[in-house]
Amino acid sequence: MPEMYFRVRWPDGSTQRCYSPSLVVEDYLTPGQTYSVPDFVDRCENALRIAGERVAAKYGFACTAAAQQLTEITEKAAGQPGEVLVEGFEK
């Protein structure tokens, strides 16, 4: 299963390299595009849920890395107004 990383810039100016165990993130995020923080979190939640389900279907166990990444994104998003920029993907 191909994994990937996506780089984002938060409204506070910090950057984050995020992990996905599947390329499905490409269906939810576009490099160079900005998303409101709530929209970004929703998109990541959907993408990482699907990615985790793909891992479970293929290997028979949940992907804790996808769940942990979503937790980190959700925690980082808390209290941040503004927009998140998707800087790019790394495969």
PDB file of N, CA and C in Angstrom:
ATOM      1  N   MET A   1       0.863  -1.169   0.000  1.00  0.00           N
ATOM      2  CA  MET A   1       0.000   0.000   0.000  1.00  0.00           C
ATOM      3  C   MET A   1       0.911   1.233   0.000  1.00  0.00           C
ATOM      4  N   PRO A   2       0.767   2.091  -0.980  1.00  0.00           N
ATOM      5  CA  PRO A   2       1.637   3.270  -1.021  1.00  0.00           C
ATOM      6  C   PRO A   2       1.261   4.290   0.050  1.00  0.00           C
ATOM      7  N   GLU A   3       2.270   4.735   0.759  1.00  0.00           N
ATOM      8  CA  GLU A   3       2.041   5.758   1.766  1.00  0.00           C
ATOM      9  C   GLU A   3       2.490   7.100   1.212  1.00  0.00           C
ATOM     10  N   MET A   4       2.091   8.154   1.894  1.00  0.00           N
ATOM     11  CA  MET A   4       2.488   9.489   1.450  1.00  0.00           C
ATOM     12  C   MET A   4       2.523  10.439   2.641  1.00  0.00           C
ATOM     13  N   TYR A   5       3.139  11.587   2.404  1.00  0.00           N
ATOM     14  CA  TYR A   5       3.147  12.674   3.368  1.00  0.00           C
ATOM     15  C   TYR A   5       2.565  13.907   2.693  1.00  0.00           C
ATOM     16  N   PHE A   6       1.942  14.760   3.484  1.00  0.00           N
ATOM     17  CA  PHE A   6       1.476  16.039   2.961  1.00  0.00           C
ATOM     18  C   PHE A   6       1.915  17.128   3.918  1.00  0.00           C
ATOM     19  N   ARG A   7       2.435  18.203   3.337  1.00  0.00           N
ATOM     20  CA  ARG A   7       2.954  19.323   4.115  1.00  0.00           C
ATOM     21  C   ARG A   7       1.925  20.440   4.156  1.00  0.00           C
ATOM     22  N   VAL A   8       1.714  20.990   5.348  1.00  0.00           N
ATOM     23  CA  VAL A   8       0.737  22.072   5.494  1.00  0.00           C
ATOM     24  C   VAL A   8       1.339  23.228   6.281  1.00  0.00           C
ATOM     25  N   ARG A   9       0.812  24.413   6.020  1.00  0.00           N
ATOM     26  CA  ARG A   9       1.165  25.608   6.788  1.00  0.00           C
ATOM     27  C   ARG A   9      -0.099  26.070   7.504  1.00  0.00           C
ATOM     28  N   TRP A  10       0.004  26.155   8.838  1.00  0.00           N
ATOM     29  CA  TRP A  10      -1.118  26.536   9.680  1.00  0.00           C
ATOM     30  C   TRP A  10      -1.270  28.052   9.742  1.00  0.00           C
ATOM     31  N   PRO A  11      -2.434  28.543  10.169  1.00  0.00           N
ATOM     32  CA  PRO A  11      -2.641  29.994  10.265  1.00  0.00           C
ATOM     33  C   PRO A  11      -1.620  30.703  11.154  1.00  0.00           C
ATOM     34  N   ASP A  12      -1.065  30.003  12.133  1.00  0.00           N
ATOM     35  CA  ASP A  12      -0.074  30.626  13.014  1.00  0.00           C
ATOM     36  C   ASP A  12       1.315  30.679  12.377  1.00  0.00           C
ATOM     37  N   GLY A  13       1.440  30.190  11.140  1.00  0.00           N
ATOM     38  CA  GLY A  13       2.700  30.223  10.417  1.00  0.00           C
ATOM     39  C   GLY A  13       3.550  28.973  10.559  1.00  0.00           C
ATOM     40  N   SER A  14       3.178  28.095  11.456  1.00  0.00           N
ATOM     41  CA  SER A  14       3.947  26.861  11.633  1.00  0.00           C
ATOM     42  C   SER A  14       3.639  25.886  10.498  1.00  0.00           C
ATOM     43  N   THR A  15       4.589  24.985  10.247  1.00  0.00           N
ATOM     44  CA  THR A  15       4.379  23.968   9.223  1.00  0.00           C
ATOM     45  C   THR A  15       4.342  22.599   9.888  1.00  0.00           C
ATOM     46  N   GLN A  16       3.718  21.665   9.191  1.00  0.00           N
ATOM     47  CA  GLN A  16       3.593  20.308   9.709  1.00  0.00           C
ATOM     48  C   GLN A  16       3.689  19.336   8.550  1.00  0.00           C
ATOM     49  N   ARG A  17       4.433  18.276   8.754  1.00  0.00           N
ATOM     50  CA  ARG A  17       4.517  17.179   7.779  1.00  0.00           C
ATOM     51  C   ARG A  17       3.613  16.073   8.312  1.00  0.00           C
ATOM     52  N   CYS A  18       2.574  15.754   7.545  1.00  0.00           N
ATOM     53  CA  CYS A  18       1.556  14.802   7.980  1.00  0.00           C
ATOM     54  C   CYS A  18       1.671  13.507   7.191  1.00  0.00           C
ATOM     55  N   TYR A  19       1.308  12.408   7.819  1.00  0.00           N
ATOM     56  CA  TYR A  19       1.425  11.073   7.241  1.00  0.00           C
ATOM     57  C   TYR A  19       0.064  10.498   6.871  1.00  0.00           C
ATOM     58  N   SER A  20       0.031   9.782   5.764  1.00  0.00           N
ATOM     59  CA  SER A  20      -1.138   8.987   5.391  1.00  0.00           C
ATOM     60  C   SER A  20      -0.652   7.642   4.862  1.00  0.00           C
ATOM     61  N   PRO A  21      -1.267   6.544   5.297  1.00  0.00           N
ATOM     62  CA  PRO A  21      -0.870   5.234   4.802  1.00  0.00           C
ATOM     63  C   PRO A  21      -1.424   4.926   3.405  1.00  0.00           C
ATOM     64  N   SER A  22      -2.101   5.884   2.795  1.00  0.00           N
ATOM     65  CA  SER A  22      -2.733   5.687   1.493  1.00  0.00           C
ATOM     66  C   SER A  22      -2.695   6.992   0.709  1.00  0.00           C
ATOM     67  N   LEU A  23      -2.748   6.875  -0.600  1.00  0.00           N
ATOM     68  CA  LEU A  23      -2.768   8.048  -1.468  1.00  0.00           C
ATOM     69  C   LEU A  23      -4.135   8.727  -1.516  1.00  0.00           C
ATOM     70  N   VAL A  24      -5.106   8.236  -0.783  1.00  0.00           N
ATOM     71  CA  VAL A  24      -6.470   8.781  -0.810  1.00  0.00           C
ATOM     72  C   VAL A  24      -6.496  10.265  -0.434  1.00  0.00           C
ATOM     73  N   VAL A  25      -5.492  10.731   0.276  1.00  0.00           N
ATOM     74  CA  VAL A  25      -5.432  12.145   0.653  1.00  0.00           C
ATOM     75  C   VAL A  25      -5.487  13.036  -0.585  1.00  0.00           C
ATOM     76  N   GLU A  26      -4.944  12.550  -1.695  1.00  0.00           N
ATOM     77  CA  GLU A  26      -4.968  13.318  -2.942  1.00  0.00           C
ATOM     78  C   GLU A  26      -6.386  13.592  -3.436  1.00  0.00           C
ATOM     79  N   ASP A  27      -7.339  12.788  -2.993  1.00  0.00           N
ATOM     80  CA  ASP A  27      -8.741  12.995  -3.373  1.00  0.00           C
ATOM     81  C   ASP A  27      -9.405  14.085  -2.525  1.00  0.00           C
ATOM     82  N   TYR A  28      -8.783  14.451  -1.420  1.00  0.00           N
ATOM     83  CA  TYR A  28      -9.385  15.383  -0.472  1.00  0.00           C
ATOM     84  C   TYR A  28      -8.655  16.720  -0.345  1.00  0.00           C
ATOM     85  N   LEU A  29      -7.371  16.730  -0.682  1.00  0.00           N
ATOM     86  CA  LEU A  29      -6.565  17.942  -0.558  1.00  0.00           C
ATOM     87  C   LEU A  29      -5.839  18.219  -1.866  1.00  0.00           C
ATOM     88  N   THR A  30      -5.618  19.496  -2.165  1.00  0.00           N
ATOM     89  CA  THR A  30      -4.936  19.911  -3.389  1.00  0.00           C
ATOM     90  C   THR A  30      -3.753  20.796  -3.024  1.00  0.00           C
ATOM     91  N   PRO A  31      -2.551  20.453  -3.496  1.00  0.00           N
ATOM     92  CA  PRO A  31      -1.396  21.311  -3.224  1.00  0.00           C
ATOM     93  C   PRO A  31      -1.634  22.732  -3.738  1.00  0.00           C
ATOM     94  N   GLY A  32      -1.236  23.713  -2.932  1.00  0.00           N
ATOM     95  CA  GLY A  32      -1.417  25.116  -3.280  1.00  0.00           C
ATOM     96  C   GLY A  32      -2.767  25.676  -2.871  1.00  0.00           C
ATOM     97  N   GLN A  33      -3.669  24.830  -2.447  1.00  0.00           N
ATOM     98  CA  GLN A  33      -5.022  25.239  -2.056  1.00  0.00           C
ATOM     99  C   GLN A  33      -5.059  25.552  -0.559  1.00  0.00           C
ATOM    100  N   THR A  34      -5.856  26.550  -0.204  1.00  0.00           N
ATOM    101  CA  THR A  34      -6.088  26.831   1.212  1.00  0.00           C
ATOM    102  C   THR A  34      -7.488  26.366   1.586  1.00  0.00           C
ATOM    103  N   TYR A  35      -7.621  25.963   2.847  1.00  0.00           N
ATOM    104  CA  TYR A  35      -8.897  25.491   3.381  1.00  0.00           C
ATOM    105  C   TYR A  35      -9.097  26.142   4.746  1.00  0.00           C
ATOM    106  N   SER A  36     -10.330  26.474   5.064  1.00  0.00           N
ATOM    107  CA  SER A  36     -10.587  26.939   6.420  1.00  0.00           C
ATOM    108  C   SER A  36     -10.179  25.815   7.371  1.00  0.00           C
ATOM    109  N   VAL A  37      -9.813  26.177   8.577  1.00  0.00           N
ATOM    110  CA  VAL A  37      -9.361  25.161   9.533  1.00  0.00           C
ATOM    111  C   VAL A  37     -10.408  24.059   9.716  1.00  0.00           C
ATOM    112  N   PRO A  38     -11.697  24.397   9.942  1.00  0.00           N
ATOM    113  CA  PRO A  38     -12.687  23.316  10.101  1.00  0.00           C
ATOM    114  C   PRO A  38     -12.815  22.433   8.852  1.00  0.00           C
ATOM    115  N   ASP A  39     -12.775  23.039   7.664  1.00  0.00           N
ATOM    116  CA  ASP A  39     -12.865  22.269   6.427  1.00  0.00           C
ATOM    117  C   ASP A  39     -11.650  21.359   6.284  1.00  0.00           C
ATOM    118  N   PHE A  40     -10.464  21.878   6.585  1.00  0.00           N
ATOM    119  CA  PHE A  40      -9.249  21.075   6.507  1.00  0.00           C
ATOM    120  C   PHE A  40      -9.336  19.869   7.442  1.00  0.00           C
ATOM    121  N   VAL A  41      -9.773  20.098   8.670  1.00  0.00           N
ATOM    122  CA  VAL A  41      -9.894  18.994   9.630  1.00  0.00           C
ATOM    123  C   VAL A  41     -10.900  17.966   9.120  1.00  0.00           C
ATOM    124  N   ASP A  42     -12.035  18.412   8.611  1.00  0.00           N
ATOM    125  CA  ASP A  42     -13.037  17.481   8.064  1.00  0.00           C
ATOM    126  C   ASP A  42     -12.466  16.664   6.911  1.00  0.00           C
ATOM    127  N   ARG A  43     -11.757  17.317   6.004  1.00  0.00           N
ATOM    128  CA  ARG A  43     -11.166  16.619   4.862  1.00  0.00           C
ATOM    129  C   ARG A  43     -10.139  15.585   5.334  1.00  0.00           C
ATOM    130  N   CYS A  44      -9.316  15.972   6.302  1.00  0.00           N
ATOM    131  CA  CYS A  44      -8.327  15.034   6.834  1.00  0.00           C
ATOM    132  C   CYS A  44      -8.998  13.873   7.555  1.00  0.00           C
ATOM    133  N   GLU A  45     -10.054  14.179   8.291  1.00  0.00           N
ATOM    134  CA  GLU A  45     -10.778  13.115   8.990  1.00  0.00           C
ATOM    135  C   GLU A  45     -11.313  12.090   7.994  1.00  0.00           C
ATOM    136  N   ASN A  46     -11.931  12.557   6.927  1.00  0.00           N
ATOM    137  CA  ASN A  46     -12.457  11.639   5.914  1.00  0.00           C
ATOM    138  C   ASN A  46     -11.343  10.848   5.247  1.00  0.00           C
ATOM    139  N   ALA A  47     -10.287  11.540   4.817  1.00  0.00           N
ATOM    140  CA  ALA A  47      -9.191  10.879   4.103  1.00  0.00           C
ATOM    141  C   ALA A  47      -8.476   9.865   4.993  1.00  0.00           C
ATOM    142  N   LEU A  48      -8.164  10.259   6.216  1.00  0.00           N
ATOM    143  CA  LEU A  48      -7.425   9.347   7.092  1.00  0.00           C
ATOM    144  C   LEU A  48      -8.291   8.193   7.583  1.00  0.00           C
ATOM    145  N   ARG A  49      -9.594   8.421   7.698  1.00  0.00           N
ATOM    146  CA  ARG A  49     -10.501   7.304   8.038  1.00  0.00           C
ATOM    147  C   ARG A  49     -10.478   6.265   6.927  1.00  0.00           C
ATOM    148  N   ILE A  50     -10.613   6.732   5.682  1.00  0.00           N
ATOM    149  CA  ILE A  50     -10.588   5.813   4.533  1.00  0.00           C
ATOM    150  C   ILE A  50      -9.238   5.117   4.449  1.00  0.00           C
ATOM    151  N   ALA A  51      -8.164   5.870   4.631  1.00  0.00           N
ATOM    152  CA  ALA A  51      -6.825   5.279   4.587  1.00  0.00           C
ATOM    153  C   ALA A  51      -6.688   4.187   5.645  1.00  0.00           C
ATOM    154  N   GLY A  52      -7.164   4.469   6.845  1.00  0.00           N
ATOM    155  CA  GLY A  52      -7.120   3.471   7.912  1.00  0.00           C
ATOM    156  C   GLY A  52      -7.952   2.239   7.594  1.00  0.00           C
ATOM    157  N   GLU A  53      -9.107   2.445   6.975  1.00  0.00           N
ATOM    158  CA  GLU A  53      -9.954   1.315   6.585  1.00  0.00           C
ATOM    159  C   GLU A  53      -9.271   0.463   5.516  1.00  0.00           C
ATOM    160  N   ARG A  54      -8.550   1.104   4.617  1.00  0.00           N
ATOM    161  CA  ARG A  54      -7.814   0.355   3.582  1.00  0.00           C
ATOM    162  C   ARG A  54      -6.726  -0.513   4.202  1.00  0.00           C
ATOM    163  N   VAL A  55      -6.037   0.029   5.193  1.00  0.00           N
ATOM    164  CA  VAL A  55      -5.011  -0.748   5.890  1.00  0.00           C
ATOM    165  C   VAL A  55      -5.658  -1.937   6.593  1.00  0.00           C
ATOM    166  N   ALA A  56      -6.759  -1.685   7.291  1.00  0.00           N
ATOM    167  CA  ALA A  56      -7.449  -2.761   8.006  1.00  0.00           C
ATOM    168  C   ALA A  56      -7.929  -3.848   7.051  1.00  0.00           C
ATOM    169  N   ALA A  57      -8.440  -3.460   5.895  1.00  0.00           N
ATOM    170  CA  ALA A  57      -8.917  -4.446   4.918  1.00  0.00           C
ATOM    171  C   ALA A  57      -7.765  -5.280   4.371  1.00  0.00           C
ATOM    172  N   LYS A  58      -6.636  -4.652   4.161  1.00  0.00           N
ATOM    173  CA  LYS A  58      -5.498  -5.359   3.564  1.00  0.00           C
ATOM    174  C   LYS A  58      -4.729  -6.195   4.580  1.00  0.00           C
ATOM    175  N   TYR A  59      -4.514  -5.651   5.780  1.00  0.00           N
ATOM    176  CA  TYR A  59      -3.649  -6.313   6.757  1.00  0.00           C
ATOM    177  C   TYR A  59      -4.386  -6.906   7.946  1.00  0.00           C
ATOM    178  N   GLY A  60      -5.665  -6.561   8.108  1.00  0.00           N
ATOM    179  CA  GLY A  60      -6.441  -7.153   9.184  1.00  0.00           C
ATOM    180  C   GLY A  60      -6.312  -6.457  10.530  1.00  0.00           C
ATOM    181  N   PHE A  61      -5.695  -5.278  10.555  1.00  0.00           N
ATOM    182  CA  PHE A  61      -5.593  -4.529  11.803  1.00  0.00           C
ATOM    183  C   PHE A  61      -5.660  -3.038  11.503  1.00  0.00           C
ATOM    184  N   ALA A  62      -6.044  -2.284  12.502  1.00  0.00           N
ATOM    185  CA  ALA A  62      -6.206  -0.840  12.324  1.00  0.00           C
ATOM    186  C   ALA A  62      -4.851  -0.154  12.156  1.00  0.00           C
ATOM    187  N   CYS A  63      -4.864   0.967  11.469  1.00  0.00           N
ATOM    188  CA  CYS A  63      -3.652   1.762  11.277  1.00  0.00           C
ATOM    189  C   CYS A  63      -3.580   2.810  12.380  1.00  0.00           C
ATOM    190  N   THR A  64      -2.769   2.551  13.382  1.00  0.00           N
ATOM    191  CA  THR A  64      -2.656   3.491  14.491  1.00  0.00           C
ATOM    192  C   THR A  64      -1.960   4.774  14.058  1.00  0.00           C
ATOM    193  N   ALA A  65      -1.104   4.711  13.040  1.00  0.00           N
ATOM    194  CA  ALA A  65      -0.417   5.917  12.564  1.00  0.00           C
ATOM    195  C   ALA A  65      -1.413   6.909  11.966  1.00  0.00           C
ATOM    196  N   ALA A  66      -2.397   6.434  11.221  1.00  0.00           N
ATOM    197  CA  ALA A  66      -3.412   7.316  10.641  1.00  0.00           C
ATOM    198  C   ALA A  66      -4.255   7.946  11.751  1.00  0.00           C
ATOM    199  N   ALA A  67      -4.622   7.141  12.732  1.00  0.00           N
ATOM    200  CA  ALA A  67      -5.410   7.661  13.857  1.00  0.00           C
ATOM    201  C   ALA A  67      -4.603   8.688  14.648  1.00  0.00           C
ATOM    202  N   GLN A  68      -3.327   8.418  14.867  1.00  0.00           N
ATOM    203  CA  GLN A  68      -2.479   9.356  15.607  1.00  0.00           C
ATOM    204  C   GLN A  68      -2.313  10.659  14.831  1.00  0.00           C
ATOM    205  N   GLN A  69      -2.159  10.552  13.504  1.00  0.00           N
ATOM    206  CA  GLN A  69      -2.007  11.760  12.702  1.00  0.00           C
ATOM    207  C   GLN A  69      -3.251  12.623  12.782  1.00  0.00           C
ATOM    208  N   LEU A  70      -4.417  12.009  12.733  1.00  0.00           N
ATOM    209  CA  LEU A  70      -5.655  12.772  12.850  1.00  0.00           C
ATOM    210  C   LEU A  70      -5.750  13.453  14.217  1.00  0.00           C
ATOM    211  N   THR A  71      -5.341  12.770  15.259  1.00  0.00           N
ATOM    212  CA  THR A  71      -5.330  13.368  16.597  1.00  0.00           C
ATOM    213  C   THR A  71      -4.422  14.592  16.623  1.00  0.00           C
ATOM    214  N   GLU A  72      -3.249  14.484  16.037  1.00  0.00           N
ATOM    215  CA  GLU A  72      -2.316  15.611  16.004  1.00  0.00           C
ATOM    216  C   GLU A  72      -2.891  16.794  15.214  1.00  0.00           C
ATOM    217  N   ILE A  73      -3.532  16.506  14.090  1.00  0.00           N
ATOM    218  CA  ILE A  73      -4.145  17.565  13.281  1.00  0.00           C
ATOM    219  C   ILE A  73      -5.260  18.247  14.070  1.00  0.00           C
ATOM    220  N   THR A  74      -6.097  17.463  14.709  1.00  0.00           N
ATOM    221  CA  THR A  74      -7.217  18.005  15.483  1.00  0.00           C
ATOM    222  C   THR A  74      -6.722  18.872  16.635  1.00  0.00           C
ATOM    223  N   GLU A  75      -5.694  18.402  17.326  1.00  0.00           N
ATOM    224  CA  GLU A  75      -5.142  19.175  18.437  1.00  0.00           C
ATOM    225  C   GLU A  75      -4.516  20.475  17.940  1.00  0.00           C
ATOM    226  N   LYS A  76      -3.796  20.421  16.826  1.00  0.00           N
ATOM    227  CA  LYS A  76      -3.155  21.618  16.272  1.00  0.00           C
ATOM    228  C   LYS A  76      -4.211  22.630  15.824  1.00  0.00           C
ATOM    229  N   ALA A  77      -5.317  22.145  15.298  1.00  0.00           N
ATOM    230  CA  ALA A  77      -6.375  23.012  14.771  1.00  0.00           C
ATOM    231  C   ALA A  77      -7.155  23.731  15.866  1.00  0.00           C
ATOM    232  N   ALA A  78      -7.178  23.170  17.053  1.00  0.00           N
ATOM    233  CA  ALA A  78      -7.989  23.732  18.138  1.00  0.00           C
ATOM    234  C   ALA A  78      -7.622  25.189  18.402  1.00  0.00           C
ATOM    235  N   GLY A  79      -8.615  26.043  18.285  1.00  0.00           N
ATOM    236  CA  GLY A  79      -8.433  27.451  18.583  1.00  0.00           C
ATOM    237  C   GLY A  79      -7.716  28.267  17.520  1.00  0.00           C
ATOM    238  N   GLN A  80      -7.449  27.672  16.374  1.00  0.00           N
ATOM    239  CA  GLN A  80      -6.777  28.425  15.309  1.00  0.00           C
ATOM    240  C   GLN A  80      -7.796  28.877  14.269  1.00  0.00           C
ATOM    241  N   PRO A  81      -8.087  30.163  14.213  1.00  0.00           N
ATOM    242  CA  PRO A  81      -8.935  30.661  13.131  1.00  0.00           C
ATOM    243  C   PRO A  81      -8.076  30.847  11.880  1.00  0.00           C
ATOM    244  N   GLY A  82      -8.720  30.915  10.756  1.00  0.00           N
ATOM    245  CA  GLY A  82      -7.981  31.195   9.531  1.00  0.00           C
ATOM    246  C   GLY A  82      -7.975  30.024   8.576  1.00  0.00           C
ATOM    247  N   GLU A  83      -6.937  29.996   7.745  1.00  0.00           N
ATOM    248  CA  GLU A  83      -6.869  28.980   6.696  1.00  0.00           C
ATOM    249  C   GLU A  83      -5.568  28.199   6.762  1.00  0.00           C
ATOM    250  N   VAL A  84      -5.653  26.953   6.330  1.00  0.00           N
ATOM    251  CA  VAL A  84      -4.509  26.063   6.240  1.00  0.00           C
ATOM    252  C   VAL A  84      -4.122  25.950   4.768  1.00  0.00           C
ATOM    253  N   LEU A  85      -2.841  26.121   4.478  1.00  0.00           N
ATOM    254  CA  LEU A  85      -2.325  25.970   3.124  1.00  0.00           C
ATOM    255  C   LEU A  85      -1.710  24.594   2.973  1.00  0.00           C
ATOM    256  N   VAL A  86      -2.136  23.863   1.961  1.00  0.00           N
ATOM    257  CA  VAL A  86      -1.502  22.592   1.636  1.00  0.00           C
ATOM    258  C   VAL A  86      -0.322  22.916   0.726  1.00  0.00           C
ATOM    259  N   GLU A  87       0.887  22.743   1.280  1.00  0.00           N
ATOM    260  CA  GLU A  87       2.085  23.115   0.519  1.00  0.00           C
ATOM    261  C   GLU A  87       2.458  22.077  -0.520  1.00  0.00           C
ATOM    262  N   GLY A  88       2.221  20.818  -0.245  1.00  0.00           N
ATOM    263  CA  GLY A  88       2.569  19.807  -1.232  1.00  0.00           C
ATOM    264  C   GLY A  88       2.484  18.393  -0.691  1.00  0.00           C
ATOM    265  N   PHE A  89       2.732  17.445  -1.586  1.00  0.00           N
ATOM    266  CA  PHE A  89       2.724  16.015  -1.265  1.00  0.00           C
ATOM    267  C   PHE A  89       4.114  15.438  -1.464  1.00  0.00           C
ATOM    268  N   GLU A  90       4.413  14.409  -0.705  1.00  0.00           N
ATOM    269  CA  GLU A  90       5.653  13.645  -0.858  1.00  0.00           C
ATOM    270  C   GLU A  90       5.265  12.178  -0.873  1.00  0.00           C
ATOM    271  N   LYS A  91       5.747  11.472  -1.870  1.00  0.00           N
ATOM    272  CA  LYS A  91       5.441  10.037  -1.942  1.00  0.00           C
ATOM    273  C   LYS A  91       6.697   9.227  -1.739  1.00  0.00           C
TER     274      LYS A  91
END
